[in-house]
Protein backbone atom coordinates (compact mmCIF):
# COMPACT_ATOMS: atom_id res chain seq x y z
CA MET A 1 -42.12 213.20 28.72
CA ARG A 2 -43.49 213.40 25.22
CA LYS A 3 -43.44 216.50 23.13
CA LEU A 4 -46.72 218.39 23.45
CA LEU A 5 -48.63 220.22 20.74
CA PRO A 6 -46.82 219.59 17.40
CA GLY A 7 -49.83 217.89 15.97
CA LEU A 8 -52.11 220.40 17.60
CA ARG A 9 -50.28 223.24 15.90
CA LEU A 10 -50.94 221.48 12.60
CA GLY A 11 -54.60 220.86 13.46
CA VAL A 12 -55.33 224.43 14.53
CA ALA A 13 -53.42 225.70 11.50
CA LEU A 14 -55.62 223.58 9.24
CA LEU A 15 -58.71 225.00 10.86
CA PHE A 16 -57.43 228.51 10.40
CA MET A 17 -56.57 227.82 6.71
CA ILE A 18 -59.91 226.36 5.75
CA GLY A 19 -61.79 229.03 7.65
CA LEU A 20 -63.37 226.89 10.32
CA LEU A 21 -61.71 228.67 13.25
CA SER A 22 -60.46 232.17 13.94
CA PRO A 23 -58.94 233.48 17.14
CA PHE A 24 -61.06 236.24 18.66
CA ALA A 25 -58.31 238.86 18.37
CA ALA A 26 -56.70 237.70 15.15
CA THR A 27 -57.55 240.83 13.15
CA GLY A 28 -54.18 241.70 11.62
CA ALA A 29 -52.38 240.25 8.68
CA GLY A 30 -48.68 239.51 8.54
CA ALA A 31 -46.22 239.21 11.38
CA GLN A 32 -46.78 241.32 14.48
CA GLU A 33 -44.35 241.57 17.35
CA LEU A 34 -45.60 240.69 20.77
CA THR A 35 -46.18 243.71 22.97
CA CYS A 36 -46.97 244.09 26.67
CA ASP A 37 -50.58 244.99 26.04
CA GLN A 38 -51.14 241.48 24.65
CA PHE A 39 -50.45 239.86 28.06
CA ASN A 40 -52.87 239.46 30.98
CA SER A 41 -50.07 239.26 33.50
CA GLN A 42 -46.38 240.09 33.95
CA ARG A 43 -45.51 236.45 34.61
CA ALA A 44 -46.84 235.42 31.24
CA ALA A 45 -44.82 238.09 29.53
CA GLN A 46 -41.77 236.99 31.48
CA ALA A 47 -42.16 233.39 30.35
CA VAL A 48 -42.35 234.49 26.73
CA LEU A 49 -39.30 236.80 27.08
CA GLU A 50 -37.31 233.90 28.59
CA ALA A 51 -38.39 231.68 25.72
CA ASP A 52 -37.25 234.24 23.12
CA PRO A 53 -34.79 236.87 24.39
CA SER A 54 -34.92 238.55 20.99
CA LEU A 55 -38.21 240.13 22.15
CA GLU A 56 -36.33 242.21 24.64
CA GLU A 57 -36.90 245.44 22.75
CA SER A 58 -40.71 245.16 22.93
CA LEU A 59 -41.14 243.35 26.23
CA ASP A 60 -38.19 244.70 28.25
CA PRO A 61 -37.23 248.06 26.80
CA ASP A 62 -35.32 249.12 29.93
CA GLY A 63 -33.20 245.92 29.81
CA ASP A 64 -33.51 245.04 33.46
CA GLY A 65 -34.49 241.40 32.65
CA GLU A 66 -38.04 241.91 33.92
CA ALA A 67 -40.71 241.84 31.23
CA CYS A 68 -43.42 244.47 31.09
CA ASN A 69 -42.63 246.01 34.51
CA GLU A 70 -42.26 249.59 33.31
CA ASP A 71 -45.89 250.53 34.07
CA GLU A 72 -45.88 251.25 37.79
CA PRO A 73 -49.53 252.34 37.72
CA ALA A 74 -50.42 248.83 36.59
CA ASP A 75 -49.09 247.54 39.92
CA ASP A 76 -50.63 250.28 42.09
CA PRO A 77 -54.26 249.37 41.54
CA THR A 78 -53.62 245.88 42.87
CA GLU A 79 -52.12 247.37 46.04
CA GLU A 80 -54.58 250.14 46.63
CA PRO A 81 -57.66 247.95 46.96
CA THR A 82 -56.08 246.28 49.97
CA ASP A 83 -56.50 249.63 51.79
CA ASP A 84 -60.15 250.01 50.76
CA PRO A 85 -62.79 248.68 53.10
CA THR A 86 -64.44 246.87 50.22
CA GLU A 87 -61.42 244.72 49.56
CA GLU A 88 -60.33 243.89 53.13
CA PRO A 89 -62.96 241.17 53.67
CA ALA A 90 -61.52 239.32 50.67
CA ASP A 91 -58.12 239.20 52.35
CA ASP A 92 -59.25 238.34 55.85
CA PRO A 93 -60.56 234.79 55.25
CA THR A 94 -57.21 233.54 53.97
CA GLU A 95 -55.37 235.00 56.98
CA GLU A 96 -57.91 233.74 59.46
CA ALA A 97 -57.68 230.25 57.97
CA THR A 98 -53.98 230.05 58.70
CA ASP A 99 -54.27 231.41 62.23
CA GLU A 100 -57.17 229.33 63.47
CA PRO A 101 -57.21 225.52 63.59
CA SER A 102 -60.53 225.82 61.79
CA GLY A 103 -61.82 223.27 59.37
CA ASP A 104 -61.91 219.50 59.67
CA ALA A 105 -58.60 217.97 58.53
CA ASP A 106 -60.27 215.18 56.60
CA ALA A 107 -62.62 217.69 54.91
CA TYR A 108 -59.65 219.82 53.96
CA LEU A 109 -57.71 216.89 52.48
CA SER A 110 -60.82 215.76 50.64
CA THR A 111 -61.33 219.26 49.18
CA ILE A 112 -57.72 219.48 47.97
CA GLN A 113 -57.89 215.97 46.55
CA GLY A 114 -61.12 216.90 44.74
CA GLU A 115 -59.54 220.02 43.28
CA LEU A 116 -56.45 218.04 42.27
CA ASP A 117 -58.60 215.34 40.63
CA GLY A 118 -60.51 218.02 38.75
CA LEU A 119 -57.29 219.63 37.44
CA GLN A 120 -55.98 216.19 36.50
CA LEU A 121 -59.11 215.45 34.45
CA GLN A 122 -58.75 218.75 32.68
CA VAL A 123 -55.14 218.01 31.84
CA GLU A 124 -56.13 214.56 30.55
CA ARG A 125 -58.90 216.03 28.41
CA PHE A 126 -56.49 218.69 27.14
CA LEU A 127 -54.03 215.97 26.14
CA GLU A 128 -56.78 213.95 24.53
CA ILE A 129 -57.74 216.89 22.27
CA ASP A 130 -54.01 217.62 21.65
CA ALA A 131 -53.59 214.03 20.40
CA LEU A 132 -56.21 214.66 17.69
CA GLY A 133 -53.69 216.91 15.96
CA ALA A 134 -54.87 217.64 12.41
CA GLY A 135 -58.12 215.78 13.22
CA ILE A 136 -59.22 218.55 15.59
CA THR A 137 -62.64 220.02 14.96
CA ARG A 138 -64.00 223.47 15.67
CA ASP A 139 -65.83 222.16 18.73
CA ASP A 140 -62.58 220.49 19.93
CA ALA A 141 -60.69 223.74 19.55
CA ASP A 142 -63.40 225.65 21.43
CA GLU A 143 -63.26 223.10 24.26
CA LEU A 144 -59.52 223.27 24.38
CA ASN A 145 -59.59 227.07 24.60
CA GLU A 146 -62.28 226.91 27.29
CA ILE A 147 -60.21 224.54 29.43
CA ALA A 148 -56.99 226.57 29.15
CA THR A 149 -58.49 230.04 29.57
CA GLY A 150 -60.39 228.71 32.64
CA TRP A 151 -57.00 228.22 34.31
CA VAL A 152 -56.40 231.99 34.31
CA GLU A 153 -58.79 232.42 37.26
CA TYR A 154 -57.67 229.30 39.16
CA PRO A 155 -55.28 231.11 41.55
CA ASP A 156 -58.30 233.05 42.86
CA VAL A 157 -60.22 229.78 43.33
CA ALA A 158 -57.33 228.30 45.30
CA ALA A 159 -56.98 231.40 47.46
CA GLY A 160 -60.58 230.92 48.62
CA ILE A 161 -59.93 227.45 50.10
CA GLU A 162 -59.38 227.47 53.82
CA GLU A 163 -56.14 225.91 55.04
CA ALA A 164 -56.31 223.35 57.87
CA GLU A 165 -53.77 223.68 60.63
CA GLY A 166 -50.90 221.22 60.26
CA TYR A 167 -51.08 221.05 56.49
CA GLU A 168 -49.05 224.11 55.60
CA GLU A 169 -46.81 222.20 53.21
CA ILE A 170 -49.73 220.74 51.29
CA HIS A 171 -51.46 224.11 51.14
CA GLU A 172 -48.30 225.86 49.90
CA ALA A 173 -47.85 223.23 47.19
CA TYR A 174 -51.49 223.62 46.18
CA LEU A 175 -51.24 227.38 45.88
CA ASP A 176 -48.01 227.02 43.85
CA LEU A 177 -49.81 224.61 41.57
CA ALA A 178 -52.74 227.02 41.22
CA ASP A 179 -50.33 229.82 40.25
CA THR A 180 -48.69 227.58 37.64
CA PHE A 181 -52.08 226.80 36.12
CA GLY A 182 -52.89 230.50 36.13
CA GLU A 183 -49.64 231.19 34.26
CA ALA A 184 -50.43 228.42 31.75
CA GLY A 185 -53.83 230.02 31.16
CA ASP A 186 -52.25 233.44 30.64
CA LEU A 187 -49.80 231.99 28.08
CA TRP A 188 -52.51 230.13 26.29
CA GLU A 189 -54.48 233.33 25.93
CA VAL A 190 -51.36 235.01 24.47
CA PHE A 191 -51.11 232.18 21.88
CA TRP A 192 -54.82 232.30 21.03
CA LYS A 193 -54.69 236.07 20.27
CA ILE A 194 -51.82 235.72 17.83
CA PRO A 195 -52.96 235.92 14.16
CA ALA A 196 -52.74 232.57 12.41
CA GLU A 197 -50.21 233.92 9.95
CA ASP A 198 -47.60 234.68 12.63
CA ASP A 199 -45.92 231.29 12.73
CA ASP A 200 -42.85 232.50 14.65
CA GLU A 201 -44.78 234.27 17.37
CA GLU A 202 -47.20 231.37 17.65
CA GLU A 203 -44.36 228.94 18.16
CA ILE A 204 -42.75 231.14 20.80
CA ALA A 205 -46.03 231.40 22.72
CA LEU A 206 -46.75 227.68 22.51
CA ASP A 207 -43.21 226.78 23.62
CA ALA A 208 -43.64 229.03 26.64
CA PHE A 209 -47.03 227.48 27.37
CA GLU A 210 -45.66 223.97 26.95
CA GLU A 211 -42.88 224.55 29.49
CA VAL A 212 -45.33 225.80 32.12
CA PHE A 213 -47.82 223.04 31.33
CA PHE A 214 -45.18 220.41 31.98
CA ASP A 215 -44.31 222.14 35.23
CA ALA A 216 -47.97 221.86 36.24
CA GLU A 217 -47.99 218.13 35.45
CA GLY A 218 -44.96 217.61 37.70
CA GLN A 219 -46.55 219.69 40.50
CA ILE A 220 -49.72 217.61 40.30
CA ASP A 221 -47.61 214.49 40.97
CA ASP A 222 -45.73 216.19 43.83
CA LEU A 223 -48.94 217.39 45.49
CA GLN A 224 -50.44 213.93 45.05
CA ASP A 225 -47.48 212.43 46.87
CA LEU A 226 -47.99 214.85 49.78
CA LEU A 227 -51.66 213.96 49.92
CA ASP A 228 -50.90 210.26 49.91
CA GLU A 229 -48.48 210.75 52.83
CA ALA A 230 -51.19 212.60 54.70
CA GLY A 231 -53.72 209.83 54.07
CA GLY A 232 -55.44 211.22 51.00
CA ASP A 233 -56.58 209.08 48.05
CA SER A 234 -54.89 208.93 44.66
CA PRO A 235 -57.50 207.52 42.31
CA THR A 236 -56.07 209.21 39.22
CA ASP A 237 -52.43 208.16 39.36
CA ASP A 238 -52.19 204.37 39.55
CA PRO A 239 -54.58 203.46 36.70
CA THR A 240 -53.03 205.91 34.24
CA ASP A 241 -49.43 204.95 34.93
CA ASP A 242 -49.70 201.21 34.41
CA PRO A 243 -51.29 201.09 30.94
CA THR A 244 -48.63 203.31 29.38
CA ASP A 245 -45.89 200.99 30.56
CA ASP A 246 -47.41 197.64 29.51
CA PRO A 247 -47.64 197.89 25.67
CA THR A 248 -44.28 199.52 25.04
CA ASP A 249 -42.09 197.49 27.42
CA ASP A 250 -42.83 194.02 25.95
CA PRO A 251 -39.35 192.48 25.45
CA ASP A 252 -40.70 189.45 23.55
CA ALA A 253 -42.46 190.60 20.42
CA ASP A 254 -44.80 188.03 18.84
CA THR A 255 -44.06 187.58 15.13
CA GLY A 256 -47.64 187.06 14.13
CA ASP A 257 -48.80 190.20 16.01
CA TYR A 258 -45.91 192.18 14.61
CA LEU A 259 -46.65 191.26 11.03
CA ALA A 260 -50.36 191.93 11.50
CA THR A 261 -49.60 195.40 12.87
CA VAL A 262 -47.28 196.22 10.00
CA ARG A 263 -49.87 195.02 7.51
CA GLU A 264 -52.68 196.98 9.12
CA ASN A 265 -50.70 200.26 9.32
CA ALA A 266 -49.31 199.93 5.83
CA ASP A 267 -52.72 199.17 4.28
CA ASN A 268 -54.33 202.06 6.21
CA TRP A 269 -51.78 204.52 4.89
CA ASN A 270 -52.08 203.15 1.38
CA ASP A 271 -55.88 203.41 1.43
CA SER A 272 -55.71 206.91 2.91
CA PHE A 273 -53.91 208.21 -0.15
CA ASP A 274 -56.90 207.26 -2.25
CA ARG A 275 -59.33 208.83 0.18
CA PHE A 276 -57.31 212.03 0.39
CA ASN A 277 -57.27 212.31 -3.39
CA GLU A 278 -61.05 211.82 -3.40
CA ILE A 279 -61.51 214.71 -0.97
CA PHE A 280 -58.91 216.80 -2.84
CA GLY A 281 -60.91 216.29 -6.03
CA LEU A 282 -64.14 217.58 -4.44
CA GLY A 283 -62.80 221.15 -4.46
CA ASP A 284 -65.44 223.63 -3.34
CA ASP A 285 -67.95 220.81 -2.81
CA ALA A 286 -65.92 219.48 0.14
CA THR A 287 -67.77 219.72 3.45
CA GLU A 288 -66.56 220.55 6.91
CA GLU A 289 -66.53 216.80 7.66
CA ASP A 290 -64.43 216.17 4.55
CA PHE A 291 -61.89 218.77 5.64
CA GLY A 292 -61.79 217.23 9.13
CA GLU A 293 -61.21 213.78 7.63
CA ALA A 294 -58.50 215.12 5.30
CA GLY A 295 -56.80 216.78 8.30
CA GLU A 296 -56.83 213.53 10.21
CA ILE A 297 -55.30 211.72 7.24
CA VAL A 298 -52.52 214.26 6.87
CA PHE A 299 -51.80 214.11 10.58
CA SER A 300 -51.55 210.29 10.37
CA TRP A 301 -49.00 210.69 7.60
CA VAL A 302 -46.89 213.17 9.54
CA LEU A 303 -46.72 210.76 12.49
CA ALA A 304 -46.05 207.68 10.33
CA PRO A 305 -42.24 207.57 10.80
CA ASP A 306 -42.65 207.70 14.60
CA VAL A 307 -45.36 205.01 14.48
CA ALA A 308 -43.05 202.73 12.49
CA LEU A 309 -40.34 203.00 15.13
CA GLU A 310 -42.70 202.04 18.04
CA LEU A 311 -42.84 198.33 17.22
CA ASP A 312 -40.70 195.68 18.91
CA VAL A 313 -39.04 193.83 16.00
CA PRO A 314 -38.92 190.04 16.34
CA GLU A 315 -35.70 188.27 15.33
CA GLY A 316 -35.63 187.57 11.60
CA MET A 317 -37.92 190.41 10.70
CA GLU A 318 -35.22 193.00 10.05
CA ASP A 319 -35.86 193.20 6.31
CA VAL A 320 -39.56 193.72 6.87
CA GLN A 321 -38.93 196.43 9.45
CA ALA A 322 -36.49 198.22 7.17
CA ALA A 323 -39.00 198.23 4.31
CA TYR A 324 -41.77 199.29 6.74
CA GLU A 325 -39.70 202.23 8.03
CA ALA A 326 -38.74 203.33 4.51
CA TYR A 327 -42.39 203.33 3.49
CA ALA A 328 -43.44 205.16 6.66
CA ASP A 329 -40.72 207.77 6.13
CA GLU A 330 -42.01 208.50 2.63
CA VAL A 331 -45.57 208.71 3.92
CA GLY A 332 -44.23 211.28 6.43
CA VAL A 333 -42.69 213.26 3.61
CA ALA A 334 -46.04 213.34 1.89
CA GLY A 335 -47.68 214.66 5.07
CA GLU A 336 -45.07 217.36 5.49
CA SER A 337 -45.49 218.41 1.85
CA VAL A 338 -49.23 218.83 2.33
CA THR A 339 -48.73 221.05 5.40
CA GLU A 340 -46.20 223.18 3.44
CA TRP A 341 -48.66 223.41 0.59
CA LEU A 342 -51.42 224.56 2.97
CA ALA A 343 -49.13 227.13 4.55
CA ALA A 344 -47.90 228.58 1.20
CA GLU A 345 -49.42 231.68 -0.27
CA LEU A 346 -51.83 231.11 -3.21
CA ASP A 347 -50.42 231.14 -6.73
CA THR A 348 -46.79 231.22 -5.67
CA PRO A 349 -43.84 229.07 -6.68
CA GLU A 350 -43.72 227.77 -3.06
CA GLU A 351 -47.27 226.49 -3.40
CA ASP A 352 -46.53 224.71 -6.71
CA GLU A 353 -43.32 223.27 -5.32
CA ALA A 354 -44.98 221.87 -2.22
CA LEU A 355 -47.77 220.31 -4.26
CA ASP A 356 -45.26 218.74 -6.66
CA ASN A 357 -43.32 217.42 -3.71
CA PHE A 358 -46.48 215.83 -2.38
CA PHE A 359 -47.32 214.02 -5.62
CA ALA A 360 -43.69 212.82 -5.91
CA ALA A 361 -43.77 211.55 -2.33
CA MET A 362 -47.06 209.83 -2.91
CA ALA A 363 -45.72 208.09 -6.00
CA GLU A 364 -42.58 207.00 -4.17
CA ALA A 365 -44.66 205.82 -1.23
CA GLU A 366 -46.76 203.63 -3.59
CA ASP A 367 -43.58 201.93 -4.90
CA LEU A 368 -42.30 201.36 -1.35
CA TYR A 369 -45.68 199.96 -0.35
CA ALA A 370 -45.48 197.45 -3.13
CA GLU A 371 -42.06 196.29 -1.90
CA LEU A 372 -43.30 195.98 1.64
CA ASP A 373 -46.43 194.17 0.46
CA ALA A 374 -44.32 191.57 -1.32
CA LEU A 375 -42.19 190.97 1.84
CA LEU A 376 -45.35 190.59 3.96
CA GLU A 377 -46.84 188.11 1.51
CA ASP A 378 -43.64 186.05 1.65
CA GLU A 379 -44.11 185.93 5.43
CA GLY A 380 -47.66 184.73 4.98
CA GLU A 381 -49.27 188.02 5.96
């Protein structure tokens, strides 16, 4: 499974840096250690603690391995309402549903399938926005946040669905899936509240979110399998699995297509250096659209080395591929240098060094492009 969020981190960071996005609780400056009051649930705090045991002092001061469990009063209110008459009706429906063979089986399976399809669509949309990386806009970031924070309440939604008799395994898997999405939502909120300057804490929170998110993807597949066995439909699985296999598994690479792809990618990266310099030269006159375009360009540079490795290399094209990869690697260095420059404090040696590294990488990339261009022309491309 591919690594999630590296480009998104860059994209959100760019939005923070150019002032187009600010987390609703990012009021502090400098590094701040995560504390229990920043979490909406104990399970979210536990996931972060497991991702970074060095936070034990702030999240698990009693050292029992359980994060943020010292406040017993925080647990009591959730138990007390079950004794109140106002809360009892909320518990009864879920119990009655398991005792009575109520509900049509087909309707139940259809309901669970509908919920699963809805979650799958949200995951797909989340991944679409994640893939934008540095090209993410403020609206994209807002939508991403809306999707993820909406998962916080999903366990309550799932608890309100009546179970049909004979489908206990499906219902248990569904409730487990709902809890996982709830945990992912909690962890996302933790990340979103971390000030943009706290790179270490942001990375810890995103790593914890990523782990739970991948668990949720696996649980979606498992629940779909159970529904298929029970006679449910699986409209979301088959179409999305096949396309990802076809383009990458071609054993016989066509030389013409290969050379055309190399030419297109190389020319695009070369042209993007000119466009980036144009935007860079605008200074204060650069618009939000300009910044978004610049972010997209930088993200394409960062990914260039991986893009170069994706192609199936036809026999006899080894020299072209070697030149292509060398060029792509230097484009990647340029992208990393820009991100380091953006992250550096103003008027510091680190800022100057990162900018110098960028210009050096850009000059080296131009030389490597010329070498690749000559090889492509020799091949008739």
